[in-house]
Structure formats: C-alpha cells, structure tokens
Amino acid sequence: MNLTISGHHLEVTPALREYVLTKLDRVTRHFDQVVDVNVLLTVEKKKEKERRQRAEVTLHVKGRDIFVEQSHEDLYAAIDQLMDKLDRQVVRHKDRLQDHHHQAPKRLDAGTP
C-alpha cells in the first residue's frame, strides 16, 4: 500500500502523521486490498474566527477510487469524522464485491436409492 500524507498551508508533524496512520489501520483492517492512499490536510485561511481545517482522502482500491472530505474547526476532529465516513464507504464497497448468491443444493433423485 502506497501512502502519501501532505499538508496545504500546514506542516505535517510526526504526531499528526501517526494519528492519521492509527486511524487508517481501522480502514485497512476491514478491507486489505487497498492499493494507494492519498491524504491531504488543509488549513483554509479565511477570517480568524472562520478558520476551517479540512481533511481529504483518496483511497484507490481495485476497480474504484473512493474520495472523502471533511471539514471541522479542529483538525483532529476532522480526521476522526473523515475516517468514519471512509470506513463506511469501504465496508459498503467490500459488501458490493462479495457474491451474495448461494448455490442451491443439488436435487437428489427420488428414484435412485
């Protein structure tokens, strides 16, 4: 799995990087066929009281790209909510991939012993 964590108007500290990695563990535990993960952490420079922290993830799995973004006043809260959304989408994608059709048991011939 290729992982890229980058910041826009923000320096990605080792603590922030470790926090994102621990949250991503939950997603990869549910679905292990992840090819590529791009995380972008952004601080939007608006007015001081409207300062918003935004986190985005693009998750590339076989056959599909899953994109999730979340904004919050606190970056850690934005990452938490983002990983919750991503986890739900990954579980839904995994559920769609699974074959839910069951084979009918073969009929037994009534005439043969």
N, C-alpha and C. Protein backbone atom coordinates (compact mmCIF):
# COMPACT_ATOMS: atom_id res chain seq x y z
N MET A 1 0.85 -1.18 0.00
CA MET A 1 0.00 0.00 0.00
C MET A 1 0.89 1.24 0.00
N ASN A 2 0.66 2.12 -0.95
CA ASN A 2 1.38 3.38 -1.02
C ASN A 2 0.59 4.42 -0.23
N LEU A 3 1.28 5.13 0.65
CA LEU A 3 0.62 6.13 1.48
C LEU A 3 1.32 7.47 1.31
N THR A 4 0.53 8.50 1.01
CA THR A 4 1.05 9.86 0.89
C THR A 4 0.23 10.76 1.79
N ILE A 5 0.92 11.42 2.73
CA ILE A 5 0.26 12.39 3.61
C ILE A 5 0.90 13.73 3.34
N SER A 6 0.09 14.70 2.92
CA SER A 6 0.64 16.02 2.61
C SER A 6 -0.22 17.10 3.25
N GLY A 7 0.37 18.26 3.42
CA GLY A 7 -0.33 19.38 4.04
C GLY A 7 -0.34 20.59 3.12
N HIS A 8 -1.40 21.34 3.18
CA HIS A 8 -1.54 22.57 2.41
C HIS A 8 -1.75 23.70 3.40
N HIS A 9 -0.83 24.67 3.42
CA HIS A 9 -0.80 25.74 4.43
C HIS A 9 -0.61 25.16 5.83
N LEU A 10 0.11 24.06 5.92
CA LEU A 10 0.24 23.35 7.19
C LEU A 10 1.42 22.40 7.09
N GLU A 11 2.18 22.31 8.17
CA GLU A 11 3.28 21.34 8.22
C GLU A 11 2.76 20.07 8.86
N VAL A 12 3.00 18.94 8.21
CA VAL A 12 2.55 17.65 8.74
C VAL A 12 3.58 17.20 9.78
N THR A 13 3.21 17.30 11.04
CA THR A 13 4.10 16.93 12.13
C THR A 13 4.10 15.41 12.29
N PRO A 14 5.13 14.85 12.94
CA PRO A 14 5.13 13.40 13.18
C PRO A 14 3.93 12.95 14.00
N ALA A 15 3.46 13.76 14.94
CA ALA A 15 2.28 13.40 15.74
C ALA A 15 1.04 13.33 14.85
N LEU A 16 0.90 14.28 13.95
CA LEU A 16 -0.24 14.29 13.03
C LEU A 16 -0.17 13.09 12.08
N ARG A 17 1.01 12.79 11.59
CA ARG A 17 1.20 11.64 10.70
C ARG A 17 0.86 10.33 11.43
N GLU A 18 1.28 10.20 12.68
CA GLU A 18 0.99 9.00 13.46
C GLU A 18 -0.50 8.86 13.73
N TYR A 19 -1.18 9.99 13.98
CA TYR A 19 -2.62 9.98 14.22
C TYR A 19 -3.37 9.49 12.99
N VAL A 20 -2.97 9.97 11.81
CA VAL A 20 -3.62 9.54 10.57
C VAL A 20 -3.36 8.05 10.35
N LEU A 21 -2.15 7.59 10.62
CA LEU A 21 -1.83 6.17 10.43
C LEU A 21 -2.65 5.27 11.35
N THR A 22 -2.82 5.67 12.61
CA THR A 22 -3.61 4.84 13.53
C THR A 22 -5.07 4.80 13.10
N LYS A 23 -5.58 5.90 12.57
CA LYS A 23 -6.96 5.91 12.10
C LYS A 23 -7.12 5.09 10.82
N LEU A 24 -6.11 5.09 9.96
CA LEU A 24 -6.18 4.31 8.73
C LEU A 24 -6.11 2.80 9.00
N ASP A 25 -5.53 2.41 10.12
CA ASP A 25 -5.46 0.99 10.46
C ASP A 25 -6.85 0.36 10.53
N ARG A 26 -7.82 1.12 11.03
CA ARG A 26 -9.18 0.59 11.13
C ARG A 26 -9.76 0.31 9.74
N VAL A 27 -9.48 1.20 8.81
CA VAL A 27 -10.00 1.02 7.45
C VAL A 27 -9.32 -0.17 6.78
N THR A 28 -8.01 -0.29 6.92
CA THR A 28 -7.30 -1.40 6.27
C THR A 28 -7.60 -2.73 6.97
N ARG A 29 -8.05 -2.68 8.20
CA ARG A 29 -8.44 -3.91 8.88
C ARG A 29 -9.73 -4.47 8.27
N HIS A 30 -10.64 -3.57 7.84
CA HIS A 30 -11.89 -4.01 7.23
C HIS A 30 -11.70 -4.45 5.78
N PHE A 31 -10.73 -3.85 5.10
CA PHE A 31 -10.55 -4.14 3.68
C PHE A 31 -9.06 -4.05 3.38
N ASP A 32 -8.44 -5.18 3.08
CA ASP A 32 -6.99 -5.20 2.94
C ASP A 32 -6.49 -5.06 1.50
N GLN A 33 -7.38 -4.87 0.55
CA GLN A 33 -6.97 -4.76 -0.85
C GLN A 33 -6.81 -3.30 -1.29
N VAL A 34 -6.23 -2.49 -0.42
CA VAL A 34 -6.02 -1.08 -0.71
C VAL A 34 -4.71 -0.94 -1.48
N VAL A 35 -4.76 -0.25 -2.62
CA VAL A 35 -3.58 -0.08 -3.45
C VAL A 35 -2.84 1.20 -3.09
N ASP A 36 -3.57 2.30 -2.95
CA ASP A 36 -2.95 3.61 -2.81
C ASP A 36 -3.82 4.50 -1.93
N VAL A 37 -3.19 5.28 -1.06
CA VAL A 37 -3.91 6.21 -0.19
C VAL A 37 -3.23 7.57 -0.27
N ASN A 38 -4.01 8.60 -0.59
CA ASN A 38 -3.51 9.98 -0.58
C ASN A 38 -4.31 10.77 0.44
N VAL A 39 -3.63 11.35 1.42
CA VAL A 39 -4.27 12.15 2.45
C VAL A 39 -3.79 13.58 2.29
N LEU A 40 -4.73 14.53 2.25
CA LEU A 40 -4.40 15.94 2.15
C LEU A 40 -5.03 16.67 3.32
N LEU A 41 -4.20 17.31 4.13
CA LEU A 41 -4.66 18.09 5.28
C LEU A 41 -4.49 19.55 4.94
N THR A 42 -5.56 20.34 5.11
CA THR A 42 -5.56 21.73 4.67
C THR A 42 -6.07 22.64 5.77
N VAL A 43 -5.45 23.81 5.88
CA VAL A 43 -5.98 24.89 6.71
C VAL A 43 -6.43 25.98 5.75
N GLU A 44 -7.72 26.27 5.76
CA GLU A 44 -8.25 27.31 4.90
C GLU A 44 -8.06 28.66 5.58
N LYS A 45 -7.36 29.56 4.92
CA LYS A 45 -7.02 30.85 5.52
C LYS A 45 -8.12 31.87 5.25
N LYS A 46 -9.18 31.77 6.03
CA LYS A 46 -10.26 32.75 5.95
C LYS A 46 -10.09 33.70 7.13
N LYS A 47 -11.17 34.31 7.57
CA LYS A 47 -11.10 35.13 8.77
C LYS A 47 -10.73 34.25 9.95
N GLU A 48 -10.15 34.84 10.96
CA GLU A 48 -9.63 34.07 12.09
C GLU A 48 -10.71 33.24 12.78
N LYS A 49 -11.91 33.81 12.95
CA LYS A 49 -12.95 33.06 13.64
C LYS A 49 -13.59 32.01 12.75
N GLU A 50 -13.42 32.12 11.42
CA GLU A 50 -13.99 31.15 10.50
C GLU A 50 -12.93 30.17 9.98
N ARG A 51 -11.80 30.12 10.64
CA ARG A 51 -10.72 29.25 10.18
C ARG A 51 -11.19 27.79 10.20
N ARG A 52 -11.08 27.13 9.07
CA ARG A 52 -11.57 25.76 8.94
C ARG A 52 -10.40 24.84 8.63
N GLN A 53 -10.44 23.68 9.24
CA GLN A 53 -9.45 22.64 8.98
C GLN A 53 -10.14 21.60 8.11
N ARG A 54 -9.48 21.17 7.05
CA ARG A 54 -10.10 20.23 6.12
C ARG A 54 -9.17 19.04 5.90
N ALA A 55 -9.76 17.87 5.86
CA ALA A 55 -9.01 16.65 5.58
C ALA A 55 -9.68 15.94 4.41
N GLU A 56 -8.87 15.45 3.49
CA GLU A 56 -9.36 14.72 2.32
C GLU A 56 -8.58 13.43 2.18
N VAL A 57 -9.26 12.39 1.73
CA VAL A 57 -8.60 11.12 1.45
C VAL A 57 -9.08 10.61 0.10
N THR A 58 -8.14 10.18 -0.72
CA THR A 58 -8.46 9.45 -1.93
C THR A 58 -7.89 8.06 -1.76
N LEU A 59 -8.75 7.08 -1.74
CA LEU A 59 -8.37 5.69 -1.50
C LEU A 59 -8.56 4.93 -2.80
N HIS A 60 -7.49 4.38 -3.34
CA HIS A 60 -7.57 3.63 -4.59
C HIS A 60 -7.59 2.15 -4.26
N VAL A 61 -8.71 1.50 -4.56
CA VAL A 61 -8.83 0.06 -4.40
C VAL A 61 -9.03 -0.52 -5.80
N LYS A 62 -8.94 -1.82 -5.90
CA LYS A 62 -9.05 -2.45 -7.20
C LYS A 62 -10.41 -2.14 -7.83
N GLY A 63 -10.37 -1.44 -8.94
CA GLY A 63 -11.59 -1.16 -9.67
C GLY A 63 -12.31 0.11 -9.28
N ARG A 64 -11.82 0.84 -8.28
CA ARG A 64 -12.58 2.02 -7.84
C ARG A 64 -11.70 2.97 -7.05
N ASP A 65 -12.00 4.26 -7.13
CA ASP A 65 -11.39 5.26 -6.27
C ASP A 65 -12.47 5.78 -5.33
N ILE A 66 -12.14 5.85 -4.06
CA ILE A 66 -13.07 6.35 -3.05
C ILE A 66 -12.51 7.68 -2.55
N PHE A 67 -13.30 8.75 -2.68
CA PHE A 67 -12.88 10.07 -2.24
C PHE A 67 -13.79 10.54 -1.12
N VAL A 68 -13.18 11.02 -0.02
CA VAL A 68 -13.94 11.52 1.12
C VAL A 68 -13.27 12.79 1.59
N GLU A 69 -14.09 13.79 1.95
CA GLU A 69 -13.54 15.01 2.55
C GLU A 69 -14.41 15.43 3.72
N GLN A 70 -13.78 16.10 4.68
CA GLN A 70 -14.49 16.53 5.88
C GLN A 70 -13.83 17.80 6.40
N SER A 71 -14.64 18.74 6.85
CA SER A 71 -14.13 19.99 7.43
C SER A 71 -14.61 20.12 8.87
N HIS A 72 -13.78 20.74 9.69
CA HIS A 72 -14.11 20.98 11.08
C HIS A 72 -13.20 22.07 11.60
N GLU A 73 -13.54 22.66 12.75
CA GLU A 73 -12.68 23.69 13.33
C GLU A 73 -11.41 23.08 13.91
N ASP A 74 -11.47 21.82 14.33
CA ASP A 74 -10.32 21.12 14.87
C ASP A 74 -9.87 20.06 13.86
N LEU A 75 -8.59 20.04 13.53
CA LEU A 75 -8.10 19.11 12.51
C LEU A 75 -8.24 17.66 12.95
N TYR A 76 -8.01 17.39 14.23
CA TYR A 76 -8.14 16.01 14.72
C TYR A 76 -9.59 15.53 14.64
N ALA A 77 -10.53 16.41 14.93
CA ALA A 77 -11.95 16.05 14.81
C ALA A 77 -12.31 15.83 13.34
N ALA A 78 -11.73 16.63 12.44
CA ALA A 78 -11.99 16.44 11.02
C ALA A 78 -11.46 15.09 10.55
N ILE A 79 -10.28 14.69 11.06
CA ILE A 79 -9.71 13.39 10.69
C ILE A 79 -10.59 12.26 11.23
N ASP A 80 -11.07 12.41 12.48
CA ASP A 80 -11.96 11.39 13.05
C ASP A 80 -13.21 11.19 12.20
N GLN A 81 -13.88 12.29 11.87
CA GLN A 81 -15.10 12.20 11.07
C GLN A 81 -14.82 11.68 9.67
N LEU A 82 -13.68 12.07 9.11
CA LEU A 82 -13.28 11.61 7.80
C LEU A 82 -13.08 10.10 7.78
N MET A 83 -12.40 9.56 8.77
CA MET A 83 -12.15 8.13 8.81
C MET A 83 -13.43 7.33 9.05
N ASP A 84 -14.39 7.93 9.80
CA ASP A 84 -15.68 7.27 9.96
C ASP A 84 -16.40 7.15 8.61
N LYS A 85 -16.40 8.24 7.85
CA LYS A 85 -17.03 8.22 6.53
C LYS A 85 -16.34 7.22 5.60
N LEU A 86 -15.01 7.27 5.62
CA LEU A 86 -14.24 6.39 4.76
C LEU A 86 -14.47 4.93 5.11
N ASP A 87 -14.54 4.63 6.39
CA ASP A 87 -14.78 3.27 6.84
C ASP A 87 -16.13 2.76 6.36
N ARG A 88 -17.15 3.60 6.46
CA ARG A 88 -18.48 3.20 5.97
C ARG A 88 -18.46 2.93 4.48
N GLN A 89 -17.77 3.79 3.71
CA GLN A 89 -17.74 3.60 2.26
C GLN A 89 -16.94 2.36 1.88
N VAL A 90 -15.86 2.08 2.60
CA VAL A 90 -15.04 0.90 2.31
C VAL A 90 -15.82 -0.37 2.62
N VAL A 91 -16.53 -0.38 3.75
CA VAL A 91 -17.34 -1.55 4.10
C VAL A 91 -18.44 -1.76 3.07
N ARG A 92 -19.05 -0.68 2.60
CA ARG A 92 -20.10 -0.79 1.58
C ARG A 92 -19.51 -1.30 0.25
N HIS A 93 -18.32 -0.83 -0.10
CA HIS A 93 -17.66 -1.31 -1.32
C HIS A 93 -17.32 -2.80 -1.20
N LYS A 94 -16.82 -3.20 -0.05
CA LYS A 94 -16.49 -4.61 0.17
C LYS A 94 -17.74 -5.48 0.09
N ASP A 95 -18.84 -4.97 0.64
CA ASP A 95 -20.10 -5.70 0.62
C ASP A 95 -20.60 -5.89 -0.82
N ARG A 96 -20.40 -4.87 -1.65
CA ARG A 96 -20.81 -4.98 -3.05
C ARG A 96 -19.96 -5.98 -3.82
N LEU A 97 -18.71 -6.11 -3.43
CA LEU A 97 -17.82 -7.04 -4.13
C LEU A 97 -18.13 -8.50 -3.82
N GLN A 98 -18.63 -8.77 -2.62
CA GLN A 98 -18.89 -10.14 -2.23
C GLN A 98 -20.06 -10.71 -3.01
N ASP A 99 -19.97 -11.98 -3.31
CA ASP A 99 -21.04 -12.66 -4.03
C ASP A 99 -22.06 -13.14 -3.01
N HIS A 100 -23.26 -12.61 -3.08
CA HIS A 100 -24.30 -12.95 -2.12
C HIS A 100 -25.24 -14.04 -2.62
N HIS A 101 -24.96 -14.58 -3.79
CA HIS A 101 -25.81 -15.62 -4.33
C HIS A 101 -25.32 -16.97 -3.83
N HIS A 102 -26.20 -17.73 -3.28
CA HIS A 102 -25.84 -19.04 -2.75
C HIS A 102 -26.22 -20.11 -3.77
N GLN A 103 -25.42 -21.11 -3.84
CA GLN A 103 -25.74 -22.23 -4.71
C GLN A 103 -26.87 -23.03 -4.08
N ALA A 104 -27.84 -23.38 -4.88
CA ALA A 104 -28.93 -24.22 -4.39
C ALA A 104 -28.39 -25.64 -4.23
N PRO A 105 -28.81 -26.32 -3.17
CA PRO A 105 -28.33 -27.71 -3.05
C PRO A 105 -28.85 -28.54 -4.21
N LYS A 106 -28.01 -29.42 -4.69
CA LYS A 106 -28.40 -30.22 -5.85
C LYS A 106 -29.55 -31.13 -5.46
N ARG A 107 -30.46 -31.25 -6.36
CA ARG A 107 -31.62 -32.10 -6.08
C ARG A 107 -31.21 -33.56 -6.09
N LEU A 108 -31.71 -34.25 -5.15
CA LEU A 108 -31.46 -35.68 -5.10
C LEU A 108 -32.50 -36.39 -5.95
N ASP A 109 -32.04 -37.37 -6.68
CA ASP A 109 -33.01 -38.14 -7.47
C ASP A 109 -33.83 -39.01 -6.54
N ALA A 110 -35.14 -38.91 -6.64
CA ALA A 110 -36.02 -39.68 -5.75
C ALA A 110 -36.07 -41.14 -6.16
N GLY A 111 -35.79 -41.44 -7.43
CA GLY A 111 -35.92 -42.81 -7.91
C GLY A 111 -34.73 -43.69 -7.60
N THR A 112 -33.57 -43.15 -7.36
CA THR A 112 -32.40 -43.99 -7.09
C THR A 112 -32.17 -44.11 -5.61
N PRO A 113 -31.78 -45.29 -5.13
CA PRO A 113 -31.57 -45.49 -3.69
C PRO A 113 -30.29 -44.92 -3.19
